[in-house]
């Protein structure tokens, strides 16, 4: 049921957002060198690696690490990178991963391939069985401001509580957080 819900929502959102997504892609290309999309290796369900796209908000050549590990993240942003991140528009190409089954609308955010601490804690807690999500319980409870053990605790809580009603609650909370730009690292 969850997979059908994910597919239908991603397909409808992709169709509705197709033209705006093309404009964002053009804006990325016009304001910085490099491709419009940045594809990164991420850890998915059962610790399987998959390729995840985002609109490129960082300059070409930025190290492939979590943003909080960069000494000066703002120095790596493209001219429209801050806007893309603050509005979470950079995440919208991940609708593709939902359509292909690598991601879900709701689940733990996919770890970077080199976030060994996060991957190990999720695996030890049994949360690696979850399909990663565009949004998740940790995102609406602190997002980038949460330490990794707290994120994993929210992932485990989601694993125990997951249901369509809970997913809808998380989606609604996500919309409110994005509109308020709450918990976004700049």
N, C-alpha and C. Protein backbone atom coordinates (compact mmCIF):
# COMPACT_ATOMS: atom_id res chain seq x y z
N UNK A 1 0.82 -1.21 0.00
CA UNK A 1 0.00 0.00 0.00
C UNK A 1 0.87 1.27 0.00
N UNK A 2 1.93 1.25 0.84
CA UNK A 2 2.81 2.42 0.92
C UNK A 2 3.49 2.68 -0.42
N UNK A 3 3.94 1.62 -1.08
CA UNK A 3 4.63 1.77 -2.37
C UNK A 3 3.69 2.37 -3.41
N UNK A 4 2.43 1.91 -3.43
CA UNK A 4 1.44 2.44 -4.36
C UNK A 4 1.18 3.93 -4.07
N UNK A 5 1.03 4.26 -2.79
CA UNK A 5 0.84 5.65 -2.38
C UNK A 5 2.02 6.51 -2.85
N UNK A 6 3.24 6.02 -2.57
CA UNK A 6 4.45 6.76 -2.97
C UNK A 6 4.48 7.00 -4.48
N UNK A 7 4.23 5.94 -5.24
CA UNK A 7 4.30 6.04 -6.70
C UNK A 7 3.27 7.04 -7.22
N UNK A 8 2.03 6.95 -6.75
CA UNK A 8 0.97 7.84 -7.22
C UNK A 8 1.25 9.30 -6.87
N UNK A 9 1.70 9.54 -5.64
CA UNK A 9 2.00 10.91 -5.21
C UNK A 9 3.18 11.47 -6.01
N UNK A 10 4.23 10.67 -6.18
CA UNK A 10 5.41 11.14 -6.91
C UNK A 10 5.08 11.41 -8.38
N UNK A 11 4.27 10.54 -8.97
CA UNK A 11 3.89 10.73 -10.37
C UNK A 11 3.06 12.00 -10.54
N UNK A 12 2.07 12.19 -9.69
CA UNK A 12 1.22 13.39 -9.77
C UNK A 12 2.05 14.66 -9.50
N UNK A 13 2.90 14.61 -8.48
CA UNK A 13 3.73 15.78 -8.16
C UNK A 13 4.69 16.07 -9.31
N UNK A 14 5.27 15.04 -9.90
CA UNK A 14 6.18 15.23 -11.02
C UNK A 14 5.50 15.87 -12.21
N UNK A 15 4.28 15.44 -12.50
CA UNK A 15 3.55 16.01 -13.63
C UNK A 15 3.16 17.46 -13.36
N UNK A 16 2.68 17.73 -12.15
CA UNK A 16 2.28 19.09 -11.79
C UNK A 16 3.48 20.03 -11.77
N UNK A 17 4.62 19.52 -11.31
CA UNK A 17 5.81 20.37 -11.14
C UNK A 17 6.76 20.34 -12.32
N UNK A 18 6.42 19.64 -13.39
CA UNK A 18 7.34 19.47 -14.51
C UNK A 18 7.87 20.81 -15.05
N UNK A 19 6.99 21.74 -15.35
CA UNK A 19 7.42 23.03 -15.91
C UNK A 19 8.24 23.82 -14.89
N UNK A 20 7.77 23.95 -13.62
CA UNK A 20 8.62 24.66 -12.64
C UNK A 20 9.99 23.99 -12.46
N UNK A 21 10.04 22.66 -12.50
CA UNK A 21 11.32 21.97 -12.35
C UNK A 21 12.26 22.30 -13.51
N UNK A 22 11.71 22.42 -14.72
CA UNK A 22 12.53 22.78 -15.87
C UNK A 22 13.08 24.21 -15.71
N UNK A 23 12.26 25.12 -15.17
CA UNK A 23 12.73 26.49 -14.94
C UNK A 23 13.83 26.52 -13.89
N UNK A 24 13.69 25.72 -12.83
CA UNK A 24 14.74 25.66 -11.80
C UNK A 24 16.03 25.11 -12.41
N UNK A 25 15.91 24.06 -13.22
CA UNK A 25 17.09 23.49 -13.87
C UNK A 25 17.79 24.54 -14.73
N UNK A 26 17.02 25.31 -15.48
CA UNK A 26 17.61 26.36 -16.31
C UNK A 26 18.27 27.42 -15.44
N UNK A 27 17.65 27.79 -14.32
CA UNK A 27 18.22 28.79 -13.42
C UNK A 27 19.54 28.31 -12.84
N UNK A 28 19.63 27.04 -12.49
CA UNK A 28 20.88 26.50 -11.97
C UNK A 28 21.96 26.58 -13.04
N UNK A 29 21.62 26.18 -14.25
CA UNK A 29 22.59 26.20 -15.35
C UNK A 29 23.05 27.62 -15.69
N UNK A 30 22.13 28.58 -15.64
CA UNK A 30 22.45 29.95 -16.01
C UNK A 30 23.26 30.69 -14.95
N UNK A 31 23.19 30.23 -13.70
CA UNK A 31 23.84 30.97 -12.61
C UNK A 31 25.15 30.34 -12.13
N UNK A 32 25.49 29.17 -12.66
CA UNK A 32 26.75 28.55 -12.24
C UNK A 32 27.20 27.51 -13.27
N UNK A 33 28.49 27.26 -13.28
CA UNK A 33 29.03 26.26 -14.19
C UNK A 33 28.71 24.87 -13.66
N UNK A 34 28.50 23.94 -14.59
CA UNK A 34 28.25 22.56 -14.21
C UNK A 34 26.83 22.14 -14.53
N UNK A 35 26.51 20.90 -14.24
CA UNK A 35 25.18 20.37 -14.54
C UNK A 35 24.12 20.92 -13.60
N UNK A 36 22.87 20.85 -14.02
CA UNK A 36 21.76 21.31 -13.18
C UNK A 36 21.54 20.36 -12.00
N UNK A 37 21.77 19.08 -12.24
CA UNK A 37 21.56 18.07 -11.20
C UNK A 37 22.90 17.59 -10.65
N UNK A 38 22.90 17.34 -9.36
CA UNK A 38 24.03 16.72 -8.69
C UNK A 38 23.58 15.33 -8.26
N UNK A 39 24.26 14.31 -8.72
CA UNK A 39 23.93 12.93 -8.37
C UNK A 39 24.93 12.45 -7.33
N UNK A 40 24.41 11.96 -6.20
CA UNK A 40 25.31 11.47 -5.16
C UNK A 40 24.95 10.03 -4.80
N UNK A 41 25.98 9.30 -4.39
CA UNK A 41 25.77 7.94 -3.91
C UNK A 41 25.19 8.01 -2.51
N UNK A 42 24.06 7.35 -2.32
CA UNK A 42 23.38 7.35 -1.03
C UNK A 42 23.13 5.92 -0.58
N UNK A 43 22.91 5.77 0.72
CA UNK A 43 22.64 4.46 1.28
C UNK A 43 21.13 4.32 1.43
N UNK A 44 20.60 3.28 0.79
CA UNK A 44 19.16 3.05 0.80
C UNK A 44 18.77 1.89 1.70
N UNK A 45 17.62 1.34 1.38
CA UNK A 45 17.06 0.22 2.13
C UNK A 45 18.06 -0.94 2.16
N UNK A 46 18.23 -1.53 3.34
CA UNK A 46 19.16 -2.64 3.56
C UNK A 46 20.59 -2.28 3.17
N UNK A 47 20.93 -1.01 3.34
CA UNK A 47 22.28 -0.47 3.11
C UNK A 47 22.76 -0.63 1.67
N UNK A 48 21.82 -0.67 0.74
CA UNK A 48 22.16 -0.74 -0.69
C UNK A 48 22.44 0.67 -1.20
N UNK A 49 23.50 0.83 -1.97
CA UNK A 49 23.86 2.14 -2.54
C UNK A 49 23.00 2.41 -3.77
N UNK A 50 22.49 3.64 -3.86
CA UNK A 50 21.77 4.09 -5.05
C UNK A 50 22.19 5.51 -5.37
N UNK A 51 21.88 5.97 -6.56
CA UNK A 51 22.23 7.32 -7.00
C UNK A 51 21.01 8.24 -6.80
N UNK A 52 21.22 9.35 -6.09
CA UNK A 52 20.13 10.27 -5.78
C UNK A 52 20.42 11.65 -6.36
N UNK A 53 19.45 12.21 -7.13
CA UNK A 53 19.66 13.55 -7.70
C UNK A 53 19.14 14.66 -6.79
N UNK A 54 19.79 15.79 -6.89
CA UNK A 54 19.33 17.03 -6.27
C UNK A 54 19.65 18.14 -7.26
N UNK A 55 18.89 19.23 -7.20
CA UNK A 55 19.34 20.39 -7.95
C UNK A 55 20.64 20.85 -7.30
N UNK A 56 21.62 21.15 -8.12
CA UNK A 56 22.93 21.51 -7.61
C UNK A 56 22.88 22.87 -6.94
N UNK A 57 23.15 22.88 -5.64
CA UNK A 57 23.17 24.12 -4.87
C UNK A 57 24.59 24.50 -4.47
N UNK A 58 25.52 23.59 -4.67
CA UNK A 58 26.93 23.83 -4.34
C UNK A 58 27.75 23.90 -5.63
N UNK A 59 28.83 24.61 -5.57
CA UNK A 59 29.71 24.74 -6.72
C UNK A 59 30.35 23.40 -7.07
N UNK A 60 30.67 23.22 -8.33
CA UNK A 60 31.38 22.03 -8.78
C UNK A 60 32.70 21.95 -8.03
N UNK A 61 33.05 20.78 -7.54
CA UNK A 61 34.31 20.60 -6.81
C UNK A 61 34.16 20.63 -5.30
N UNK A 62 32.97 20.89 -4.80
CA UNK A 62 32.74 20.88 -3.36
C UNK A 62 32.91 19.45 -2.86
N UNK A 63 33.60 19.25 -1.73
CA UNK A 63 33.78 17.89 -1.21
C UNK A 63 32.44 17.20 -0.96
N UNK A 64 32.39 15.88 -1.19
CA UNK A 64 31.16 15.09 -1.01
C UNK A 64 31.03 14.66 0.44
N UNK A 65 30.74 15.63 1.30
CA UNK A 65 30.53 15.37 2.73
C UNK A 65 29.26 16.08 3.16
N UNK A 66 28.75 15.70 4.32
CA UNK A 66 27.58 16.38 4.87
C UNK A 66 27.91 17.87 5.02
N UNK A 67 26.95 18.72 4.76
CA UNK A 67 27.16 20.17 4.76
C UNK A 67 27.77 20.66 6.07
N UNK A 68 27.32 20.10 7.20
CA UNK A 68 27.82 20.58 8.50
C UNK A 68 29.32 20.28 8.70
N UNK A 69 29.90 19.41 7.86
CA UNK A 69 31.32 19.09 7.96
C UNK A 69 32.21 20.04 7.15
N UNK A 70 31.60 20.88 6.32
CA UNK A 70 32.37 21.88 5.57
C UNK A 70 32.76 23.02 6.50
N UNK A 71 33.98 23.53 6.37
CA UNK A 71 34.41 24.61 7.26
C UNK A 71 33.62 25.89 7.03
N UNK A 72 33.26 26.17 5.79
CA UNK A 72 32.46 27.36 5.46
C UNK A 72 31.48 27.00 4.35
N UNK A 73 30.35 26.38 4.69
CA UNK A 73 29.41 25.93 3.65
C UNK A 73 28.97 27.04 2.71
N UNK A 74 28.79 28.25 3.21
CA UNK A 74 28.31 29.36 2.38
C UNK A 74 29.28 29.67 1.25
N UNK A 75 30.56 29.42 1.46
CA UNK A 75 31.56 29.69 0.43
C UNK A 75 31.41 28.75 -0.77
N UNK A 76 30.73 27.63 -0.58
CA UNK A 76 30.57 26.64 -1.64
C UNK A 76 29.23 26.78 -2.38
N UNK A 77 28.33 27.63 -1.89
CA UNK A 77 27.02 27.76 -2.50
C UNK A 77 27.07 28.45 -3.86
N UNK A 78 26.20 28.02 -4.75
CA UNK A 78 26.02 28.70 -6.02
C UNK A 78 25.22 29.98 -5.75
N UNK A 79 25.11 30.89 -6.72
CA UNK A 79 24.34 32.11 -6.49
C UNK A 79 22.89 31.86 -6.04
N UNK A 80 22.27 30.77 -6.49
CA UNK A 80 20.90 30.50 -6.05
C UNK A 80 20.84 29.30 -5.09
N UNK A 81 21.99 28.81 -4.67
CA UNK A 81 22.05 27.64 -3.80
C UNK A 81 21.35 27.82 -2.47
N UNK A 82 21.54 28.98 -1.86
CA UNK A 82 20.90 29.24 -0.56
C UNK A 82 19.38 29.21 -0.71
N UNK A 83 18.86 29.82 -1.76
CA UNK A 83 17.42 29.81 -2.01
C UNK A 83 16.92 28.38 -2.21
N UNK A 84 17.63 27.62 -3.03
CA UNK A 84 17.21 26.23 -3.29
C UNK A 84 17.17 25.41 -2.00
N UNK A 85 18.16 25.59 -1.14
CA UNK A 85 18.21 24.83 0.11
C UNK A 85 17.17 25.33 1.11
N UNK A 86 17.04 26.63 1.25
CA UNK A 86 16.08 27.18 2.23
C UNK A 86 14.64 26.80 1.91
N UNK A 87 14.34 26.67 0.63
CA UNK A 87 12.98 26.31 0.21
C UNK A 87 12.81 24.81 0.00
N UNK A 88 13.91 24.06 0.10
CA UNK A 88 13.96 22.61 -0.15
C UNK A 88 13.65 22.24 -1.60
N UNK A 89 13.70 23.23 -2.49
CA UNK A 89 13.47 22.96 -3.91
C UNK A 89 14.57 22.03 -4.46
N UNK A 90 15.77 22.11 -3.86
CA UNK A 90 16.86 21.25 -4.34
C UNK A 90 16.54 19.76 -4.20
N UNK A 91 15.59 19.42 -3.33
CA UNK A 91 15.23 18.02 -3.09
C UNK A 91 14.24 17.45 -4.12
N UNK A 92 13.56 18.28 -4.86
CA UNK A 92 12.47 17.81 -5.73
C UNK A 92 12.87 16.79 -6.80
N UNK A 93 14.08 16.81 -7.34
CA UNK A 93 14.43 15.76 -8.30
C UNK A 93 14.38 14.34 -7.69
N UNK A 94 14.34 14.25 -6.39
CA UNK A 94 14.26 12.94 -5.74
C UNK A 94 12.91 12.25 -5.99
N UNK A 95 11.97 12.98 -6.57
CA UNK A 95 10.73 12.33 -6.99
C UNK A 95 11.05 11.17 -7.94
N UNK A 96 12.11 11.32 -8.73
CA UNK A 96 12.56 10.25 -9.62
C UNK A 96 12.88 8.97 -8.81
N UNK A 97 13.59 9.13 -7.71
CA UNK A 97 13.96 7.97 -6.88
C UNK A 97 12.74 7.33 -6.23
N UNK A 98 11.71 8.12 -5.99
CA UNK A 98 10.47 7.55 -5.45
C UNK A 98 9.79 6.74 -6.54
N UNK A 99 9.77 7.25 -7.75
CA UNK A 99 9.16 6.51 -8.86
C UNK A 99 9.90 5.19 -9.12
N UNK A 100 11.22 5.20 -9.01
CA UNK A 100 11.99 3.99 -9.28
C UNK A 100 12.00 3.01 -8.11
N UNK A 101 11.53 3.45 -6.94
CA UNK A 101 11.46 2.56 -5.79
C UNK A 101 12.66 2.63 -4.86
N UNK A 102 13.64 3.50 -5.16
CA UNK A 102 14.79 3.63 -4.27
C UNK A 102 14.44 4.43 -3.01
N UNK A 103 13.42 5.28 -3.12
CA UNK A 103 13.03 6.11 -1.99
C UNK A 103 11.51 6.06 -1.81
N UNK A 104 11.08 6.64 -0.71
CA UNK A 104 9.67 6.75 -0.37
C UNK A 104 9.37 8.23 -0.11
N UNK A 105 8.11 8.58 -0.03
CA UNK A 105 7.77 9.96 0.35
C UNK A 105 8.27 10.20 1.78
N UNK A 106 7.99 9.25 2.68
CA UNK A 106 8.37 9.39 4.09
C UNK A 106 9.26 8.22 4.50
N UNK A 107 10.34 8.54 5.17
CA UNK A 107 11.29 7.56 5.69
C UNK A 107 12.52 8.31 6.17
N UNK A 108 13.50 7.62 6.69
CA UNK A 108 14.73 8.33 7.09
C UNK A 108 15.41 8.95 5.87
N UNK A 109 15.99 10.11 6.02
CA UNK A 109 16.72 10.70 4.90
C UNK A 109 17.89 9.79 4.54
N UNK A 110 18.15 9.61 3.24
CA UNK A 110 19.23 8.71 2.84
C UNK A 110 20.59 9.25 3.24
N UNK A 111 21.38 8.39 3.86
CA UNK A 111 22.73 8.79 4.28
C UNK A 111 23.65 8.88 3.07
N UNK A 112 24.61 9.77 3.15
CA UNK A 112 25.69 9.78 2.17
C UNK A 112 26.47 8.48 2.32
N UNK A 113 27.07 8.00 1.24
CA UNK A 113 27.82 6.75 1.25
C UNK A 113 28.94 6.74 2.29
N UNK A 114 29.44 7.93 2.67
CA UNK A 114 30.57 8.01 3.60
C UNK A 114 30.18 8.43 5.02
N UNK A 115 28.89 8.41 5.33
CA UNK A 115 28.45 8.73 6.69
C UNK A 115 28.42 7.44 7.52
N UNK A 116 29.61 6.91 7.75
CA UNK A 116 29.74 5.60 8.41
C UNK A 116 29.08 5.57 9.79
N UNK A 117 29.19 6.67 10.55
CA UNK A 117 28.59 6.70 11.88
C UNK A 117 27.07 6.56 11.82
N UNK A 118 26.43 7.30 10.93
CA UNK A 118 24.98 7.23 10.77
C UNK A 118 24.54 5.86 10.28
N UNK A 119 25.23 5.32 9.29
CA UNK A 119 24.90 4.01 8.73
C UNK A 119 25.02 2.93 9.80
N UNK A 120 26.10 2.97 10.58
CA UNK A 120 26.32 1.96 11.62
C UNK A 120 25.24 2.02 12.70
N UNK A 121 24.88 3.23 13.13
CA UNK A 121 23.84 3.36 14.17
C UNK A 121 22.48 2.90 13.66
N UNK A 122 22.13 3.26 12.42
CA UNK A 122 20.86 2.81 11.85
C UNK A 122 20.82 1.28 11.74
N UNK A 123 21.93 0.69 11.31
CA UNK A 123 22.00 -0.76 11.16
C UNK A 123 21.88 -1.44 12.52
N UNK A 124 22.59 -0.94 13.51
CA UNK A 124 22.53 -1.53 14.85
C UNK A 124 21.12 -1.45 15.44
N UNK A 125 20.39 -0.39 15.08
CA UNK A 125 19.04 -0.19 15.61
C UNK A 125 17.96 -0.87 14.77
N UNK A 126 18.34 -1.44 13.62
CA UNK A 126 17.37 -2.12 12.76
C UNK A 126 16.63 -1.19 11.80
N UNK A 127 17.03 0.07 11.72
CA UNK A 127 16.33 1.03 10.87
C UNK A 127 16.78 0.96 9.41
N UNK A 128 17.79 0.15 9.10
CA UNK A 128 18.25 0.04 7.72
C UNK A 128 17.23 -0.64 6.83
N UNK A 129 16.22 -1.27 7.42
CA UNK A 129 15.17 -1.95 6.63
C UNK A 129 14.19 -0.97 6.01
N UNK A 130 14.23 0.29 6.47
CA UNK A 130 13.31 1.30 5.95
C UNK A 130 13.81 1.85 4.62
N UNK A 131 12.86 2.10 3.71
CA UNK A 131 13.19 2.79 2.47
C UNK A 131 13.40 4.26 2.83
N UNK A 132 14.51 4.88 2.39
CA UNK A 132 14.73 6.28 2.73
C UNK A 132 13.66 7.19 2.13
N UNK A 133 13.45 8.33 2.75
CA UNK A 133 12.36 9.20 2.33
C UNK A 133 12.79 10.60 1.91
N UNK A 134 11.90 11.22 1.17
CA UNK A 134 12.05 12.63 0.80
C UNK A 134 11.97 13.48 2.06
N UNK A 135 11.14 13.05 2.99
CA UNK A 135 11.05 13.66 4.31
C UNK A 135 10.93 12.54 5.33
N UNK A 136 11.03 12.89 6.58
CA UNK A 136 10.95 11.87 7.62
C UNK A 136 10.65 12.45 8.98
N UNK A 137 10.48 11.57 9.94
CA UNK A 137 10.14 11.95 11.30
C UNK A 137 11.27 12.79 11.92
N UNK A 138 12.52 12.45 11.63
CA UNK A 138 13.63 13.25 12.15
C UNK A 138 13.63 14.65 11.54
N UNK A 139 13.27 14.75 10.25
CA UNK A 139 13.28 16.05 9.58
C UNK A 139 12.29 17.02 10.20
N UNK A 140 11.15 16.54 10.61
CA UNK A 140 10.15 17.44 11.19
C UNK A 140 10.39 17.66 12.68
N UNK A 141 11.40 16.99 13.22
CA UNK A 141 11.73 17.14 14.64
C UNK A 141 13.12 17.73 14.85
N UNK A 142 13.65 18.43 13.85
CA UNK A 142 14.93 19.09 14.04
C UNK A 142 15.78 19.17 12.80
N UNK A 143 15.56 18.29 11.86
CA UNK A 143 16.26 18.31 10.57
C UNK A 143 17.77 18.38 10.73
N UNK A 144 18.41 19.38 10.18
CA UNK A 144 19.87 19.48 10.18
C UNK A 144 20.45 19.78 11.57
N UNK A 145 19.61 20.21 12.49
CA UNK A 145 20.10 20.60 13.81
C UNK A 145 20.26 19.41 14.75
N UNK A 146 19.78 18.24 14.38
CA UNK A 146 19.82 17.07 15.26
C UNK A 146 21.17 16.37 15.21
N UNK A 147 21.68 15.94 16.38
CA UNK A 147 22.85 15.08 16.35
C UNK A 147 22.46 13.70 15.80
N UNK A 148 23.42 12.98 15.27
CA UNK A 148 23.14 11.70 14.61
C UNK A 148 22.41 10.71 15.52
N UNK A 149 22.79 10.51 16.78
CA UNK A 149 22.03 9.56 17.61
C UNK A 149 20.55 9.93 17.75
N UNK A 150 20.25 11.22 17.79
CA UNK A 150 18.85 11.65 17.88
C UNK A 150 18.11 11.34 16.58
N UNK A 151 18.77 11.55 15.43
CA UNK A 151 18.16 11.21 14.14
C UNK A 151 17.81 9.73 14.11
N UNK A 152 18.73 8.90 14.55
CA UNK A 152 18.51 7.45 14.53
C UNK A 152 17.38 7.08 15.48
N UNK A 153 17.29 7.73 16.62
CA UNK A 153 16.18 7.47 17.55
C UNK A 153 14.84 7.79 16.89
N UNK A 154 14.77 8.89 16.15
CA UNK A 154 13.54 9.22 15.41
C UNK A 154 13.27 8.20 14.30
N UNK A 155 14.33 7.72 13.64
CA UNK A 155 14.16 6.70 12.60
C UNK A 155 13.56 5.42 13.19
N UNK A 156 14.05 5.04 14.37
CA UNK A 156 13.54 3.83 15.03
C UNK A 156 12.09 4.05 15.45
N UNK A 157 11.79 5.23 15.96
CA UNK A 157 10.40 5.54 16.34
C UNK A 157 9.49 5.46 15.11
N UNK A 158 9.97 5.98 13.98
CA UNK A 158 9.19 5.89 12.74
C UNK A 158 8.97 4.43 12.35
N UNK A 159 10.00 3.62 12.45
CA UNK A 159 9.90 2.20 12.12
C UNK A 159 8.78 1.54 12.94
N UNK A 160 8.70 1.89 14.20
CA UNK A 160 7.70 1.30 15.10
C UNK A 160 6.30 1.86 14.88
N UNK A 161 6.19 3.09 14.42
CA UNK A 161 4.88 3.76 14.31
C UNK A 161 4.35 3.89 12.89
N UNK A 162 5.11 3.45 11.89
CA UNK A 162 4.76 3.76 10.50
C UNK A 162 3.35 3.27 10.15
N UNK A 163 2.64 4.19 9.48
CA UNK A 163 1.29 3.94 8.98
C UNK A 163 0.98 5.06 7.99
N UNK A 164 -0.07 4.88 7.20
CA UNK A 164 -0.45 5.92 6.26
C UNK A 164 -0.82 7.21 6.99
N UNK A 165 -1.53 7.08 8.11
CA UNK A 165 -1.92 8.27 8.88
C UNK A 165 -0.69 9.01 9.41
N UNK A 166 0.30 8.25 9.90
CA UNK A 166 1.53 8.87 10.41
C UNK A 166 2.29 9.53 9.26
N UNK A 167 2.36 8.87 8.10
CA UNK A 167 3.02 9.46 6.94
C UNK A 167 2.36 10.77 6.54
N UNK A 168 1.03 10.79 6.52
CA UNK A 168 0.32 12.02 6.15
C UNK A 168 0.59 13.13 7.15
N UNK A 169 0.69 12.78 8.44
CA UNK A 169 1.02 13.77 9.47
C UNK A 169 2.41 14.34 9.22
N UNK A 170 3.37 13.48 8.89
CA UNK A 170 4.74 13.92 8.64
C UNK A 170 4.80 14.80 7.40
N UNK A 171 4.07 14.44 6.35
CA UNK A 171 4.04 15.26 5.13
C UNK A 171 3.48 16.65 5.47
N UNK A 172 2.40 16.70 6.22
CA UNK A 172 1.81 18.00 6.61
C UNK A 172 2.80 18.82 7.43
N UNK A 173 3.44 18.17 8.41
CA UNK A 173 4.43 18.87 9.24
C UNK A 173 5.61 19.36 8.39
N UNK A 174 5.99 18.59 7.39
CA UNK A 174 7.08 18.98 6.49
C UNK A 174 6.71 20.24 5.73
N UNK A 175 5.50 20.28 5.20
CA UNK A 175 5.04 21.46 4.46
C UNK A 175 5.13 22.70 5.36
N UNK A 176 4.67 22.57 6.59
CA UNK A 176 4.73 23.70 7.52
C UNK A 176 6.17 24.11 7.82
N UNK A 177 7.05 23.13 8.04
CA UNK A 177 8.47 23.42 8.32
C UNK A 177 9.13 24.12 7.13
N UNK A 178 8.85 23.65 5.93
CA UNK A 178 9.45 24.25 4.74
C UNK A 178 8.95 25.68 4.57
N UNK A 179 7.66 25.91 4.76
CA UNK A 179 7.12 27.26 4.63
C UNK A 179 7.73 28.21 5.66
N UNK A 180 8.02 27.70 6.85
CA UNK A 180 8.64 28.52 7.92
C UNK A 180 10.15 28.55 7.79
N UNK A 181 10.70 27.67 6.92
CA UNK A 181 12.16 27.50 6.78
C UNK A 181 12.77 27.12 8.11
N UNK A 182 12.09 26.30 8.84
CA UNK A 182 12.47 25.87 10.17
C UNK A 182 13.46 24.70 10.09
N UNK A 183 14.58 24.80 10.78
CA UNK A 183 15.54 23.71 10.87
C UNK A 183 16.42 23.53 9.65
N UNK A 184 16.51 24.54 8.81
CA UNK A 184 17.31 24.44 7.59
C UNK A 184 18.70 24.98 7.87
N UNK A 185 19.73 24.20 7.52
CA UNK A 185 21.10 24.74 7.67
C UNK A 185 21.39 25.62 6.47
N UNK A 186 21.98 26.75 6.70
CA UNK A 186 22.21 27.73 5.62
C UNK A 186 23.57 27.55 5.09
